[in-house]
Protein backbone atom coordinates (compact mmCIF):
# COMPACT_ATOMS: atom_id res chain seq x y z
CA UNK A 1 -5.98 -60.43 -1.44
CA UNK A 2 -7.52 -61.66 -4.70
CA UNK A 3 -5.51 -63.20 -7.52
CA UNK A 4 -6.51 -60.28 -9.75
CA UNK A 5 -5.23 -57.65 -7.34
CA UNK A 6 -1.97 -59.54 -6.87
CA UNK A 7 -1.39 -59.52 -10.63
CA UNK A 8 -2.33 -55.83 -11.14
CA UNK A 9 0.91 -53.88 -11.52
CA UNK A 10 1.42 -51.12 -8.98
CA UNK A 11 1.19 -47.59 -10.31
CA UNK A 12 4.72 -46.31 -10.83
CA UNK A 13 5.71 -43.35 -8.69
CA UNK A 14 5.68 -40.09 -10.62
CA UNK A 15 8.01 -37.39 -9.45
CA UNK A 16 6.09 -34.12 -8.94
CA UNK A 17 6.68 -31.54 -11.60
CA UNK A 18 7.90 -28.17 -10.38
CA UNK A 19 6.04 -25.12 -11.67
CA UNK A 20 8.42 -22.14 -11.26
CA UNK A 21 5.63 -19.55 -11.29
CA UNK A 22 3.60 -21.19 -8.52
CA UNK A 23 6.72 -22.10 -6.56
CA UNK A 24 7.71 -18.44 -6.57
CA UNK A 25 4.22 -17.37 -5.45
CA UNK A 26 4.32 -19.90 -2.63
CA UNK A 27 7.76 -18.68 -1.51
CA UNK A 28 6.51 -15.10 -1.39
CA UNK A 29 3.44 -16.03 0.67
CA UNK A 30 5.58 -18.00 3.11
CA UNK A 31 7.90 -15.00 3.56
CA UNK A 32 4.91 -12.76 4.27
CA UNK A 33 3.57 -15.24 6.83
CA UNK A 34 6.79 -16.39 8.49
CA UNK A 35 8.83 -13.19 8.52
CA UNK A 36 6.10 -10.52 8.49
CA UNK A 37 7.63 -9.43 5.19
CA UNK A 38 5.85 -7.16 2.76
CA UNK A 39 5.04 -8.58 -0.64
CA UNK A 40 6.15 -5.43 -2.43
CA UNK A 41 9.63 -5.91 -0.93
CA UNK A 42 9.82 -9.71 -1.24
CA UNK A 43 8.53 -10.12 -4.77
CA UNK A 44 10.96 -8.00 -6.86
CA UNK A 45 14.14 -9.89 -5.85
CA UNK A 46 12.36 -13.23 -6.32
CA UNK A 47 11.30 -12.15 -9.82
CA UNK A 48 14.83 -10.97 -10.69
CA UNK A 49 16.26 -14.30 -9.59
CA UNK A 50 13.60 -16.18 -11.59
CA UNK A 51 14.41 -14.18 -14.73
CA UNK A 52 18.06 -15.14 -14.39
CA UNK A 53 17.71 -18.80 -13.36
CA UNK A 54 14.30 -19.89 -14.65
CA UNK A 55 14.08 -17.74 -17.76
CA UNK A 56 10.93 -15.95 -16.58
CA UNK A 57 9.35 -13.77 -19.23
CA UNK A 58 6.82 -10.96 -18.79
CA UNK A 59 3.84 -13.32 -18.74
CA UNK A 60 5.42 -15.49 -16.05
CA UNK A 61 6.16 -12.45 -13.90
CA UNK A 62 2.65 -11.08 -14.39
CA UNK A 63 1.05 -14.38 -13.36
CA UNK A 64 3.27 -14.76 -10.29
CA UNK A 65 2.48 -11.19 -9.24
CA UNK A 66 -1.25 -11.73 -9.68
CA UNK A 67 -1.15 -14.97 -7.69
CA UNK A 68 0.65 -13.33 -4.76
CA UNK A 69 -1.26 -10.06 -4.59
CA UNK A 70 -4.62 -11.57 -5.50
CA UNK A 71 -4.29 -14.23 -2.82
CA UNK A 72 -3.29 -11.70 -0.16
CA UNK A 73 -6.06 -9.26 -1.07
CA UNK A 74 -8.76 -11.94 -0.97
CA UNK A 75 -7.35 -13.87 1.97
CA UNK A 76 -10.34 -13.20 4.24
CA UNK A 77 -12.83 -14.33 1.63
CA UNK A 78 -10.83 -17.42 0.75
CA UNK A 79 -10.38 -18.31 4.43
CA UNK A 80 -14.15 -18.29 4.88
CA UNK A 81 -14.62 -20.55 1.83
CA UNK A 82 -11.82 -22.94 2.78
CA UNK A 83 -13.25 -23.16 6.31
CA UNK A 84 -16.52 -24.35 4.82
CA UNK A 85 -14.66 -27.16 3.01
CA UNK A 86 -12.53 -28.60 5.79
CA UNK A 87 -13.52 -30.58 8.87
CA UNK A 88 -11.37 -28.67 11.36
CA UNK A 89 -10.83 -25.03 12.43
CA UNK A 90 -8.50 -23.17 10.08
CA UNK A 91 -6.09 -22.50 12.95
CA UNK A 92 -5.43 -26.27 12.98
CA UNK A 93 -4.45 -26.32 9.30
CA UNK A 94 -0.70 -25.95 8.88
CA UNK A 95 0.13 -22.50 7.45
CA UNK A 96 2.02 -23.88 4.40
CA UNK A 97 -1.00 -26.04 3.57
CA UNK A 98 -3.29 -23.05 3.94
CA UNK A 99 -1.06 -21.02 1.60
CA UNK A 100 -1.33 -23.71 -1.10
CA UNK A 101 -5.10 -23.89 -0.61
CA UNK A 102 -5.40 -20.09 -0.81
CA UNK A 103 -3.33 -20.00 -4.00
CA UNK A 104 -5.57 -22.69 -5.45
CA UNK A 105 -8.73 -20.90 -4.34
CA UNK A 106 -7.57 -17.71 -6.02
CA UNK A 107 -6.89 -19.52 -9.28
CA UNK A 108 -10.33 -21.14 -9.13
CA UNK A 109 -12.37 -18.13 -8.01
CA UNK A 110 -10.35 -15.05 -8.91
CA UNK A 111 -8.72 -15.78 -12.29
CA UNK A 112 -9.64 -17.19 -15.69
CA UNK A 113 -7.42 -20.23 -15.26
CA UNK A 114 -9.49 -23.31 -16.21
CA UNK A 115 -10.72 -25.37 -13.27
CA UNK A 116 -8.80 -28.53 -14.14
CA UNK A 117 -5.58 -26.58 -14.61
CA UNK A 118 -6.01 -24.68 -11.33
CA UNK A 119 -6.61 -27.87 -9.36
CA UNK A 120 -3.89 -29.96 -10.99
CA UNK A 121 -1.27 -27.20 -10.75
CA UNK A 122 -2.09 -26.65 -7.07
CA UNK A 123 -1.91 -30.36 -6.30
CA UNK A 124 1.45 -30.60 -8.07
CA UNK A 125 2.69 -27.65 -6.00
CA UNK A 126 1.46 -29.42 -2.86
CA UNK A 127 3.34 -32.59 -3.82
CA UNK A 128 6.55 -30.57 -4.22
CA UNK A 129 6.34 -28.45 -1.06
CA UNK A 130 4.14 -30.56 1.25
CA UNK A 131 4.47 -34.18 0.16
CA UNK A 132 2.04 -36.69 -1.36
CA UNK A 133 -0.03 -37.20 1.79
CA UNK A 134 -1.03 -33.58 2.28
CA UNK A 135 -1.36 -33.15 -1.48
CA UNK A 136 -4.34 -35.52 -1.31
CA UNK A 137 -5.94 -33.25 1.31
CA UNK A 138 -5.33 -30.22 -0.95
CA UNK A 139 -6.88 -32.07 -3.88
CA UNK A 140 -10.01 -32.95 -1.90
CA UNK A 141 -10.54 -29.41 -0.61
CA UNK A 142 -9.97 -27.73 -3.96
CA UNK A 143 -12.40 -30.06 -5.68
CA UNK A 144 -15.04 -28.97 -3.16
CA UNK A 145 -14.21 -25.30 -3.80
CA UNK A 146 -14.43 -25.86 -7.56
CA UNK A 147 -18.10 -26.91 -7.25
CA UNK A 148 -19.24 -23.26 -7.02
CA UNK A 149 -18.16 -19.90 -8.39
CA UNK A 150 -17.28 -16.95 -6.15
CA UNK A 151 -20.77 -15.45 -6.07
CA UNK A 152 -22.32 -18.74 -5.07
CA UNK A 153 -19.77 -19.22 -2.31
CA UNK A 154 -20.38 -15.71 -0.96
CA UNK A 155 -24.07 -16.49 -0.77
CA UNK A 156 -23.15 -19.39 1.49
CA UNK A 157 -20.39 -17.98 3.71
CA UNK A 158 -21.24 -14.27 4.11
CA UNK A 159 -23.99 -13.31 6.55
CA UNK A 160 -26.85 -11.30 4.99
CA UNK A 161 -26.23 -7.56 4.83
CA UNK A 162 -29.44 -6.74 6.69
CA UNK A 163 -28.48 -9.05 9.56
CA UNK A 164 -24.85 -7.92 10.02
CA UNK A 165 -23.74 -5.26 7.54
CA UNK A 166 -20.13 -5.00 8.72
CA UNK A 167 -19.52 -8.75 8.81
CA UNK A 168 -21.16 -9.12 5.39
CA UNK A 169 -18.84 -6.49 3.92
CA UNK A 170 -15.84 -7.98 5.72
CA UNK A 171 -16.35 -11.41 4.12
CA UNK A 172 -17.45 -10.23 0.68
CA UNK A 173 -14.68 -7.62 0.33
CA UNK A 174 -11.99 -9.39 2.34
CA UNK A 175 -11.24 -6.83 5.06
CA UNK A 176 -11.15 -7.44 8.82
CA UNK A 177 -14.39 -6.33 10.42
CA UNK A 178 -12.71 -3.63 12.52
CA UNK A 179 -11.14 -2.12 9.38
CA UNK A 180 -14.53 -2.05 7.64
CA UNK A 181 -15.97 -0.24 10.66
CA UNK A 182 -13.13 2.29 10.84
CA UNK A 183 -13.21 3.06 7.11
CA UNK A 184 -16.98 3.43 7.18
CA UNK A 185 -16.76 5.88 10.10
CA UNK A 186 -14.17 7.97 8.26
CA UNK A 187 -16.02 7.89 4.95
CA UNK A 188 -19.55 8.37 6.24
CA UNK A 189 -22.54 7.82 4.00
CA UNK A 190 -24.37 4.63 3.13
CA UNK A 191 -23.63 1.24 1.63
CA UNK A 192 -22.63 2.30 -1.88
CA UNK A 193 -19.68 4.44 -0.80
CA UNK A 194 -18.12 1.90 1.55
CA UNK A 195 -18.55 -0.90 -0.99
CA UNK A 196 -16.85 1.23 -3.64
CA UNK A 197 -13.97 1.93 -1.25
CA UNK A 198 -13.52 -1.71 -0.25
CA UNK A 199 -13.62 -2.79 -3.89
CA UNK A 200 -10.99 -0.16 -4.75
CA UNK A 201 -8.76 -1.57 -2.00
CA UNK A 202 -8.84 -4.90 -3.83
CA UNK A 203 -7.87 -3.51 -7.22
CA UNK A 204 -4.34 -3.42 -8.54
CA UNK A 205 -3.11 0.20 -8.19
CA UNK A 206 -1.57 2.10 -11.04
CA UNK A 207 2.13 2.84 -10.95
CA UNK A 208 2.58 6.60 -10.89
CA UNK A 209 5.78 8.50 -11.56
CA UNK A 210 6.75 11.96 -10.37
CA UNK A 211 8.86 14.26 -12.54
CA UNK A 212 10.94 16.16 -10.00
CA UNK A 213 10.89 19.88 -10.91
CA UNK A 214 14.14 21.22 -12.28
CA UNK A 215 15.39 17.69 -12.93
CA UNK A 216 12.86 16.18 -15.33
CA UNK A 217 9.46 16.97 -16.81
CA UNK A 218 6.26 15.09 -17.48
CA UNK A 219 6.82 15.80 -21.18
CA UNK A 220 10.15 13.96 -21.02
CA UNK A 221 8.60 10.95 -19.27
CA UNK A 222 5.62 10.82 -21.63
CA UNK A 223 7.91 11.08 -24.63
CA UNK A 224 10.01 8.14 -23.41
CA UNK A 225 6.96 6.03 -22.57
CA UNK A 226 4.94 6.80 -25.69
CA UNK A 227 1.19 7.14 -26.04
CA UNK A 228 0.42 3.51 -25.19
CA UNK A 229 2.57 3.22 -22.07
CA UNK A 230 2.15 6.58 -20.35
CA UNK A 231 -0.68 8.93 -19.41
CA UNK A 232 -0.63 12.31 -17.65
CA UNK A 233 -1.55 12.29 -13.99
CA UNK A 234 -5.10 13.08 -13.01
CA UNK A 235 -4.36 15.79 -10.44
CA UNK A 236 -0.66 16.46 -9.92
CA UNK A 237 1.14 18.53 -12.56
CA UNK A 238 4.24 16.38 -11.99
CA UNK A 239 2.55 12.96 -12.32
CA UNK A 240 2.69 10.40 -15.13
CA UNK A 241 0.72 7.15 -14.95
CA UNK A 242 2.19 3.94 -16.33
CA UNK A 243 0.14 1.50 -18.34
CA UNK A 244 -0.19 -1.98 -16.85
CA UNK A 245 3.09 -3.83 -17.01
CA UNK A 246 5.19 -0.70 -17.37
CA UNK A 247 8.64 -0.98 -15.82
CA UNK A 248 9.81 2.21 -14.02
CA UNK A 249 13.36 0.94 -13.75
CA UNK A 250 13.68 0.94 -17.55
CA UNK A 251 13.33 4.75 -17.65
CA UNK A 252 16.59 6.71 -17.55
CA UNK A 253 15.10 9.57 -15.49
CA UNK A 254 13.98 7.11 -12.79
CA UNK A 255 17.32 5.29 -12.71
CA UNK A 256 19.12 8.63 -12.42
CA UNK A 257 16.85 9.90 -9.64
CA UNK A 258 15.46 12.79 -11.68
CA UNK A 259 12.05 11.12 -11.46
CA UNK A 260 10.65 8.58 -9.05
CA UNK A 261 7.76 6.29 -8.27
CA UNK A 262 5.27 8.16 -6.08
CA UNK A 263 1.54 7.89 -5.56
CA UNK A 264 -0.33 10.94 -6.77
CA UNK A 265 -1.82 11.47 -3.30
CA UNK A 266 1.65 11.83 -1.81
CA UNK A 267 2.54 14.32 -4.53
CA UNK A 268 -0.56 16.39 -3.76
CA UNK A 269 0.34 16.57 -0.06
CA UNK A 270 3.83 17.93 -0.80
CA UNK A 271 2.55 20.37 -3.42
CA UNK A 272 -0.19 21.70 -1.10
CA UNK A 273 2.32 22.41 1.68
CA UNK A 274 4.69 24.09 -0.78
CA UNK A 275 1.90 26.33 -2.13
CA UNK A 276 0.22 27.24 1.16
CA UNK A 277 0.05 31.05 1.57
CA UNK A 278 2.87 32.42 3.66
CA UNK A 279 3.70 35.89 4.97
CA UNK A 280 7.34 36.76 5.41
CA UNK A 281 10.41 34.72 4.53
CA UNK A 282 10.23 31.39 2.71
CA UNK A 283 13.80 30.17 2.97
CA UNK A 284 13.90 27.12 5.27
CA UNK A 285 11.80 24.00 4.91
CA UNK A 286 11.72 20.86 7.09
CA UNK A 287 10.57 17.33 6.36
CA UNK A 288 10.46 15.93 9.87
CA UNK A 289 9.60 12.29 9.02
CA UNK A 290 11.37 12.04 5.69
CA UNK A 291 11.88 8.30 5.14
CA UNK A 292 11.99 6.74 2.64
CA UNK A 293 12.36 10.01 0.73
CA UNK A 294 9.63 10.41 -1.89
CA UNK A 295 8.03 13.53 -0.44
CA UNK A 296 11.43 14.91 0.58
CA UNK A 297 12.70 14.64 -3.00
CA UNK A 298 9.66 16.52 -4.34
CA UNK A 299 9.81 19.12 -1.57
CA UNK A 300 13.53 19.59 -2.17
CA UNK A 301 12.94 20.22 -5.87
CA UNK A 302 10.09 22.67 -5.16
CA UNK A 303 12.19 24.46 -2.52
CA UNK A 304 15.08 24.77 -4.96
CA UNK A 305 12.86 26.62 -7.44
CA UNK A 306 12.41 29.35 -4.80
CA UNK A 307 15.95 29.37 -3.52
CA UNK A 308 14.87 27.70 -0.27
CA UNK A 309 16.82 25.03 1.60
CA UNK A 310 15.39 21.73 2.83
CA UNK A 311 16.34 19.85 5.98
CA UNK A 312 15.19 16.22 5.76
CA UNK A 313 15.18 14.38 9.07
CA UNK A 314 14.55 10.67 9.59
CA UNK A 315 14.90 8.77 12.86
CA UNK A 316 16.10 5.45 11.43
CA UNK A 317 19.63 5.67 9.97
CA UNK A 318 18.95 3.12 7.20
CA UNK A 319 15.88 5.10 6.12
CA UNK A 320 17.87 8.33 6.33
CA UNK A 321 20.25 6.80 3.80
CA UNK A 322 17.29 6.17 1.47
CA UNK A 323 16.30 9.83 1.86
CA UNK A 324 19.82 10.93 1.01
CA UNK A 325 19.77 8.75 -2.09
CA UNK A 326 16.41 10.21 -3.18
CA UNK A 327 17.73 13.77 -2.76
CA UNK A 328 21.08 13.19 -4.47
CA UNK A 329 21.33 15.59 -7.38
CA UNK A 330 18.72 18.00 -6.00
CA UNK A 331 19.36 21.38 -7.68
CA UNK A 332 19.05 23.37 -4.46
CA UNK A 333 20.62 23.22 -0.99
CA UNK A 334 19.54 20.40 1.30
CA UNK A 335 20.75 18.40 4.26
CA UNK A 336 19.76 14.93 5.46
CA UNK A 337 20.14 13.98 9.13
CA UNK A 338 19.21 10.99 11.29
CA UNK A 339 17.27 12.55 14.15
CA UNK A 340 14.21 11.88 16.30
CA UNK A 341 11.42 14.34 15.56
CA UNK A 342 10.04 13.92 19.09
CA UNK A 343 13.35 15.23 20.50
CA UNK A 344 14.54 17.46 17.67
CA UNK A 345 18.05 18.90 17.46
CA UNK A 346 16.91 22.11 15.71
CA UNK A 347 15.91 25.29 17.47
CA UNK A 348 12.22 26.18 17.86
CA UNK A 349 10.88 28.60 15.27
CA UNK A 350 13.56 27.73 12.70
CA UNK A 351 11.44 26.86 9.67
CA UNK A 352 8.95 28.51 7.34
CA UNK A 353 7.35 25.27 6.14
CA UNK A 354 7.26 21.94 7.97
CA UNK A 355 5.92 18.55 6.87
CA UNK A 356 5.34 15.63 9.23
CA UNK A 357 4.09 12.52 7.43
CA UNK A 358 3.72 10.57 10.64
CA UNK A 359 4.03 6.82 11.23
CA UNK A 360 0.55 5.30 11.11
CA UNK A 361 -1.44 2.12 10.57
CA UNK A 362 -1.12 2.37 6.77
CA UNK A 363 -4.82 1.65 6.24
CA UNK A 364 -4.78 4.12 3.36
CA UNK A 365 -2.41 2.00 1.28
CA UNK A 366 -4.12 -1.39 1.44
CA UNK A 367 -4.09 -1.59 -2.37
CA UNK A 368 -0.29 -1.63 -2.30
CA UNK A 369 0.23 -3.56 0.92
CA UNK A 370 -2.72 -5.95 1.10
CA UNK A 371 -1.13 -8.01 3.87
CA UNK A 372 -1.24 -4.98 6.20
CA UNK A 373 -4.99 -5.40 6.67
CA UNK A 374 -4.42 -8.82 8.27
CA UNK A 375 -1.35 -7.74 10.23
CA UNK A 376 -2.73 -4.65 11.93
CA UNK A 377 -4.86 -4.81 15.07
CA UNK A 378 -7.12 -2.13 16.61
CA UNK A 379 -4.77 -1.86 19.58
CA UNK A 380 -1.95 -0.77 17.23
CA UNK A 381 -3.62 2.62 17.05
CA UNK A 382 -2.98 3.12 20.76
CA UNK A 383 0.76 2.88 20.17
CA UNK A 384 0.70 5.33 17.26
CA UNK A 385 -1.47 7.95 18.97
CA UNK A 386 1.08 9.44 21.43
CA UNK A 387 3.79 9.49 18.75
CA UNK A 388 1.55 11.25 16.23
CA UNK A 389 0.54 13.92 18.75
CA UNK A 390 4.12 14.52 19.84
CA UNK A 391 5.40 14.79 16.26
CA UNK A 392 2.70 17.33 15.36
CA UNK A 393 3.35 19.31 18.53
CA UNK A 394 7.09 19.43 17.84
CA UNK A 395 6.45 20.35 14.20
CA UNK A 396 4.42 23.37 15.32
CA UNK A 397 7.26 24.37 17.63
CA UNK A 398 9.73 24.02 14.76
CA UNK A 399 7.77 26.47 12.59
CA UNK A 400 8.19 30.20 13.07
CA UNK A 401 5.18 32.31 13.95
CA UNK A 402 3.34 32.67 10.66
CA UNK A 403 4.90 29.48 9.32
CA UNK A 404 2.90 26.53 7.97
CA UNK A 405 2.85 22.91 9.14
CA UNK A 406 1.46 20.00 7.13
CA UNK A 407 0.27 16.97 9.12
CA UNK A 408 -0.09 13.96 6.83
CA UNK A 409 -0.90 10.29 7.26
CA UNK A 410 -1.47 7.41 4.88
CA UNK A 411 -4.51 6.42 6.91
CA UNK A 412 -8.10 7.64 6.89
CA UNK A 413 -8.75 6.34 10.41
CA UNK A 414 -10.24 9.22 12.40
CA UNK A 415 -8.08 8.31 15.41
CA UNK A 416 -5.00 9.06 13.29
CA UNK A 417 -6.28 12.10 11.41
CA UNK A 418 -8.84 14.65 12.57
CA UNK A 419 -8.85 13.52 16.20
CA UNK A 420 -5.07 13.98 16.47
CA UNK A 421 -5.18 17.44 14.92
CA UNK A 422 -8.13 18.61 17.03
CA UNK A 423 -6.51 17.28 20.19
CA UNK A 424 -3.19 19.06 19.56
CA UNK A 425 -4.97 22.32 18.76
CA UNK A 426 -7.01 22.12 21.97
CA UNK A 427 -4.08 21.20 24.19
CA UNK A 428 -1.42 23.51 22.86
CA UNK A 429 -3.17 26.30 20.99
CA UNK A 430 -1.04 28.82 19.13
CA UNK A 431 -2.12 27.51 15.73
CA UNK A 432 -5.06 27.62 13.35
CA UNK A 433 -6.22 25.41 10.52
CA UNK A 434 -5.80 26.55 6.91
CA UNK A 435 -8.24 25.39 4.25
CA UNK A 436 -6.22 22.86 2.25
CA UNK A 437 -8.83 22.34 -0.48
CA UNK A 438 -7.94 25.33 -2.70
CA UNK A 439 -4.35 24.04 -2.72
CA UNK A 440 -5.50 20.94 -4.63
CA UNK A 441 -7.10 22.67 -7.64
CA UNK A 442 -9.26 20.51 -9.85
CA UNK A 443 -9.45 17.64 -7.36
CA UNK A 444 -13.12 16.84 -6.71
CA UNK A 445 -14.92 15.50 -3.63
CA UNK A 446 -12.62 17.02 -1.02
CA UNK A 447 -15.34 17.31 1.58
CA UNK A 448 -16.21 20.16 3.93
CA UNK A 449 -12.62 21.03 4.82
CA UNK A 450 -10.53 22.63 6.06
CA UNK A 451 -8.56 19.38 6.06
CA UNK A 452 -8.48 16.98 3.10
CA UNK A 453 -9.03 13.23 2.88
CA UNK A 454 -8.21 11.54 -0.42
CA UNK A 455 -9.75 8.16 -1.31
CA UNK A 456 -8.83 5.32 -3.70
CA UNK A 457 -12.37 5.02 -5.10
CA UNK A 458 -12.88 8.78 -5.57
CA UNK A 459 -9.42 9.99 -6.56
CA UNK A 460 -7.48 6.90 -7.64
CA UNK A 461 -4.87 7.65 -4.96
CA UNK A 462 -3.91 6.15 -1.65
CA UNK A 463 -6.15 7.38 1.18
CA UNK A 464 -3.84 10.25 2.16
CA UNK A 465 -4.91 12.77 4.80
CA UNK A 466 -3.62 16.32 5.07
CA UNK A 467 -4.25 19.08 7.59
CA UNK A 468 -2.47 22.42 7.16
CA UNK A 469 -1.88 24.53 10.26
CA UNK A 470 -0.45 28.03 10.63
CA UNK A 471 1.46 28.85 13.79
CA UNK A 472 -0.04 31.98 15.35
CA UNK A 473 1.93 32.30 18.57
């Protein structure tokens, strides 16, 4: 060792500085990865705690939310870019390290945060949660990522469209290849439509409220929100859209259960079933898969206007309690039970209108649950298929002859929508399809019918599917 190096004072150790916003984002991503949690369930309590203990303001909360959801939405794209910057397969990178790298990549490539700030903040986060050694690795990788913008990286890591269209779209738009293929099959058409859909899946969805009839009105909600914070819904007469950053919990009608948070597509499904033409009595309605209660609350309010009673059934007791909470205060008669719709306790032919919003892959709500695209596998559809067919079959049995059944899913996958309906009709007969399109007046691009598929890029809703069937025998 030289005399000069012996005399040079060692650099004093600097304790890493905690950044509450990025720490919170990291905690949320770890919960999603380790516990299969959903970000929309994990994030709100973390934000509440941060407001109380860290003094989070609106800007802090907005940044934390963007970091979590933006990272999850673009995870596939960022994985491909990170893989190009490390000397080992991504599966050999520890998941907490990969989360820090993904958060850093999103700040560099998906936000307006300056490059030096994105890198330094990510390295500081790595020092806090990973230690100094792995922080150096994070620093080296992020500096490589920072050499190019997103478009330049996509040119490098995405295969050309004309060589492998599905893989190109999967990398560019951050969806698993099998999801791209399934959505494209359901949508049909060429490149422009599927790109618009995939882009819409990566956009932050609006928060939409529903004014439950007889309990609140859109005029009341709009008056409370004011011109800058609230807009009428596009399609549902009961919908109000919140401006970005609007807080539903601050509205009295929402806190009191007279209004709720509900995607406009879900509202349209309930309204269409309620307005389907019906001969004979219209006194008993059934929601056979009622949890967590949004559609049941709207159906209950619509039934009350006609003097009809609603039975809301949900298999899981904890979800049945959520349904009961959503229906509390309903102006008409209703009952909530915990029951299995595949082995129903009610007598056949008991109901005039029946809704089954069946368990499904959730591929229609990827805007709201971006992690679902990475969690689902093609084989999951095999487990849903028998359940969906049985629930629809039992729903038809529950309806009286002449009664109407609505089969709904929050998935556009053909194996969960049209194929299920066609299969049940072929196997069991005794029912016919009703054209659902006239029951969504003013809504464009509803296809050839008689069923309806809504789309995020065309309607601004989740990709809800609805088939209406009338029992004939």
